[in-house]
Amino acid sequence: MIEASQIKEHMEVQGSDGKHVGTVFTVDNGRITLASGGIEHTIDVADVEAITDDVVRLRKTADETVRPWH
C-alpha cells in the first residue's frame, strides 16, 4: 500500500494507461489535491497503484479518473 508521505508536491499524476491526469498540489488527510486544467480536484490516496520516477500512477485510466469531474 502506498503511504501518503511518499507523494510530494509537483509530482505528475497519470492514469493506469500512462496518460496525464494532473499535478500534485497537496496531500492531506488521505486525499491528494491536484491541479488539472487550472482547476483543483481531489482523489483518494487509496486510488494510487504505484509511485515511480516521481510519477503517481493511478489504478484507473485517466478517462475513468476525470469523468466524474465533468
N, C-alpha and C. Protein backbone atom coordinates (compact mmCIF):
# COMPACT_ATOMS: atom_id res chain seq x y z
N MET A 1 0.83 -1.19 0.00
CA MET A 1 0.00 0.00 0.00
C MET A 1 0.88 1.25 0.00
N ILE A 2 0.45 2.24 -0.73
CA ILE A 2 1.18 3.50 -0.84
C ILE A 2 0.90 4.34 0.40
N GLU A 3 1.95 4.93 0.95
CA GLU A 3 1.83 5.85 2.08
C GLU A 3 1.71 7.27 1.53
N ALA A 4 0.83 8.06 2.13
CA ALA A 4 0.63 9.44 1.69
C ALA A 4 1.93 10.23 1.73
N SER A 5 2.81 9.91 2.66
CA SER A 5 4.08 10.64 2.79
C SER A 5 5.00 10.44 1.59
N GLN A 6 4.74 9.44 0.77
CA GLN A 6 5.54 9.19 -0.44
C GLN A 6 5.18 10.14 -1.58
N ILE A 7 4.04 10.77 -1.47
CA ILE A 7 3.53 11.64 -2.53
C ILE A 7 3.90 13.08 -2.21
N LYS A 8 4.57 13.72 -3.15
CA LYS A 8 5.10 15.07 -2.93
C LYS A 8 4.51 16.06 -3.93
N GLU A 9 4.54 17.34 -3.53
CA GLU A 9 4.11 18.42 -4.42
C GLU A 9 4.82 18.34 -5.76
N HIS A 10 4.12 18.71 -6.79
CA HIS A 10 4.63 18.83 -8.15
C HIS A 10 4.87 17.48 -8.85
N MET A 11 4.53 16.36 -8.20
CA MET A 11 4.64 15.08 -8.89
C MET A 11 3.54 14.99 -9.95
N GLU A 12 3.86 14.38 -11.06
CA GLU A 12 2.85 14.17 -12.09
C GLU A 12 1.95 13.01 -11.67
N VAL A 13 0.66 13.14 -11.99
CA VAL A 13 -0.31 12.06 -11.74
C VAL A 13 -0.76 11.54 -13.10
N GLN A 14 -0.64 10.21 -13.28
CA GLN A 14 -1.03 9.56 -14.52
C GLN A 14 -2.04 8.47 -14.23
N GLY A 15 -2.89 8.23 -15.22
CA GLY A 15 -3.80 7.10 -15.14
C GLY A 15 -3.04 5.81 -15.38
N SER A 16 -3.71 4.69 -15.21
CA SER A 16 -3.08 3.39 -15.43
C SER A 16 -2.66 3.21 -16.89
N ASP A 17 -3.22 4.03 -17.76
CA ASP A 17 -2.89 4.00 -19.18
C ASP A 17 -1.70 4.89 -19.54
N GLY A 18 -1.12 5.55 -18.53
CA GLY A 18 0.03 6.41 -18.76
C GLY A 18 -0.30 7.82 -19.18
N LYS A 19 -1.59 8.13 -19.31
CA LYS A 19 -1.99 9.48 -19.71
C LYS A 19 -2.01 10.42 -18.52
N HIS A 20 -1.65 11.67 -18.78
CA HIS A 20 -1.57 12.71 -17.75
C HIS A 20 -2.96 13.01 -17.17
N VAL A 21 -3.04 13.06 -15.84
CA VAL A 21 -4.28 13.42 -15.15
C VAL A 21 -4.14 14.80 -14.51
N GLY A 22 -2.98 15.09 -13.92
CA GLY A 22 -2.77 16.36 -13.25
C GLY A 22 -1.43 16.38 -12.54
N THR A 23 -1.25 17.39 -11.68
CA THR A 23 -0.03 17.57 -10.92
C THR A 23 -0.40 17.73 -9.45
N VAL A 24 0.32 17.04 -8.58
CA VAL A 24 0.03 17.09 -7.15
C VAL A 24 0.23 18.51 -6.62
N PHE A 25 -0.78 18.98 -5.91
CA PHE A 25 -0.73 20.29 -5.26
C PHE A 25 -0.46 20.08 -3.77
N THR A 26 -1.27 19.27 -3.10
CA THR A 26 -1.08 18.95 -1.69
C THR A 26 -1.58 17.53 -1.41
N VAL A 27 -1.18 17.01 -0.26
CA VAL A 27 -1.70 15.73 0.24
C VAL A 27 -2.08 15.97 1.69
N ASP A 28 -3.34 15.67 2.03
CA ASP A 28 -3.82 15.93 3.38
C ASP A 28 -4.98 14.99 3.71
N ASN A 29 -4.92 14.39 4.89
CA ASN A 29 -6.00 13.51 5.37
C ASN A 29 -6.37 12.42 4.37
N GLY A 30 -5.36 11.82 3.73
CA GLY A 30 -5.62 10.72 2.82
C GLY A 30 -6.17 11.12 1.46
N ARG A 31 -6.15 12.42 1.17
CA ARG A 31 -6.64 12.92 -0.12
C ARG A 31 -5.52 13.66 -0.83
N ILE A 32 -5.42 13.46 -2.13
CA ILE A 32 -4.46 14.18 -2.96
C ILE A 32 -5.23 15.28 -3.67
N THR A 33 -4.79 16.51 -3.48
CA THR A 33 -5.35 17.62 -4.25
C THR A 33 -4.42 17.82 -5.43
N LEU A 34 -5.01 17.83 -6.62
CA LEU A 34 -4.18 18.02 -7.80
C LEU A 34 -4.77 19.08 -8.70
N ALA A 35 -3.89 19.70 -9.45
CA ALA A 35 -4.31 20.71 -10.42
C ALA A 35 -4.43 20.02 -11.77
N SER A 36 -5.57 20.23 -12.40
CA SER A 36 -5.81 19.64 -13.71
C SER A 36 -6.60 20.64 -14.54
N GLY A 37 -5.99 21.14 -15.58
CA GLY A 37 -6.67 22.12 -16.42
C GLY A 37 -6.97 23.41 -15.69
N GLY A 38 -6.12 23.77 -14.73
CA GLY A 38 -6.29 25.01 -13.98
C GLY A 38 -7.31 24.91 -12.86
N ILE A 39 -7.86 23.74 -12.63
CA ILE A 39 -8.87 23.52 -11.59
C ILE A 39 -8.35 22.48 -10.61
N GLU A 40 -8.63 22.68 -9.32
CA GLU A 40 -8.22 21.70 -8.32
C GLU A 40 -9.27 20.60 -8.16
N HIS A 41 -8.78 19.36 -8.07
CA HIS A 41 -9.63 18.20 -7.84
C HIS A 41 -8.96 17.35 -6.77
N THR A 42 -9.72 16.46 -6.13
CA THR A 42 -9.12 15.57 -5.15
C THR A 42 -9.38 14.12 -5.51
N ILE A 43 -8.41 13.29 -5.16
CA ILE A 43 -8.55 11.85 -5.30
C ILE A 43 -8.04 11.20 -4.03
N ASP A 44 -8.49 10.01 -3.75
CA ASP A 44 -8.09 9.29 -2.56
C ASP A 44 -6.72 8.65 -2.76
N VAL A 45 -5.89 8.69 -1.73
CA VAL A 45 -4.57 8.05 -1.80
C VAL A 45 -4.73 6.56 -2.12
N ALA A 46 -5.82 5.94 -1.71
CA ALA A 46 -6.07 4.52 -1.98
C ALA A 46 -6.21 4.24 -3.48
N ASP A 47 -6.44 5.27 -4.29
CA ASP A 47 -6.55 5.10 -5.74
C ASP A 47 -5.20 5.00 -6.43
N VAL A 48 -4.11 5.17 -5.65
CA VAL A 48 -2.76 5.12 -6.22
C VAL A 48 -2.27 3.69 -6.28
N GLU A 49 -1.83 3.28 -7.45
CA GLU A 49 -1.29 1.94 -7.67
C GLU A 49 0.20 1.90 -7.34
N ALA A 50 0.94 2.92 -7.78
CA ALA A 50 2.39 2.91 -7.60
C ALA A 50 2.95 4.32 -7.75
N ILE A 51 4.18 4.48 -7.27
CA ILE A 51 4.92 5.72 -7.47
C ILE A 51 6.28 5.32 -8.04
N THR A 52 6.58 5.82 -9.22
CA THR A 52 7.86 5.53 -9.85
C THR A 52 8.39 6.77 -10.54
N ASP A 53 9.67 7.04 -10.36
CA ASP A 53 10.31 8.18 -11.03
C ASP A 53 9.52 9.48 -10.89
N ASP A 54 9.07 9.78 -9.67
CA ASP A 54 8.31 11.00 -9.37
C ASP A 54 6.99 11.09 -10.13
N VAL A 55 6.43 9.94 -10.49
CA VAL A 55 5.13 9.89 -11.13
C VAL A 55 4.19 9.05 -10.27
N VAL A 56 3.03 9.61 -9.97
CA VAL A 56 1.99 8.90 -9.23
C VAL A 56 1.11 8.20 -10.26
N ARG A 57 1.09 6.87 -10.22
CA ARG A 57 0.32 6.08 -11.18
C ARG A 57 -0.95 5.59 -10.49
N LEU A 58 -2.11 5.87 -11.08
CA LEU A 58 -3.39 5.51 -10.50
C LEU A 58 -3.85 4.12 -10.94
N ARG A 59 -4.82 3.57 -10.21
CA ARG A 59 -5.39 2.26 -10.54
C ARG A 59 -6.33 2.35 -11.73
N LYS A 60 -6.93 3.52 -11.96
CA LYS A 60 -7.88 3.73 -13.05
C LYS A 60 -7.20 4.45 -14.21
N THR A 61 -7.78 4.34 -15.38
CA THR A 61 -7.27 5.10 -16.52
C THR A 61 -7.52 6.59 -16.29
N ALA A 62 -6.86 7.41 -17.09
CA ALA A 62 -7.06 8.86 -16.99
C ALA A 62 -8.53 9.22 -17.24
N ASP A 63 -9.13 8.62 -18.26
CA ASP A 63 -10.54 8.91 -18.57
C ASP A 63 -11.47 8.52 -17.43
N GLU A 64 -11.24 7.36 -16.84
CA GLU A 64 -12.07 6.92 -15.71
C GLU A 64 -11.92 7.86 -14.51
N THR A 65 -10.73 8.39 -14.32
CA THR A 65 -10.46 9.28 -13.20
C THR A 65 -11.12 10.63 -13.36
N VAL A 66 -11.02 11.22 -14.56
CA VAL A 66 -11.53 12.58 -14.76
C VAL A 66 -13.02 12.64 -15.11
N ARG A 67 -13.60 11.53 -15.52
CA ARG A 67 -15.02 11.52 -15.92
C ARG A 67 -15.95 12.18 -14.88
N PRO A 68 -15.81 11.86 -13.58
CA PRO A 68 -16.71 12.48 -12.59
C PRO A 68 -16.50 13.99 -12.41
N TRP A 69 -15.41 14.53 -12.90
CA TRP A 69 -15.11 15.95 -12.73
C TRP A 69 -15.84 16.82 -13.73
N HIS A 70 -16.44 16.21 -14.75
CA HIS A 70 -17.07 17.00 -15.84
C HIS A 70 -18.56 16.88 -15.79
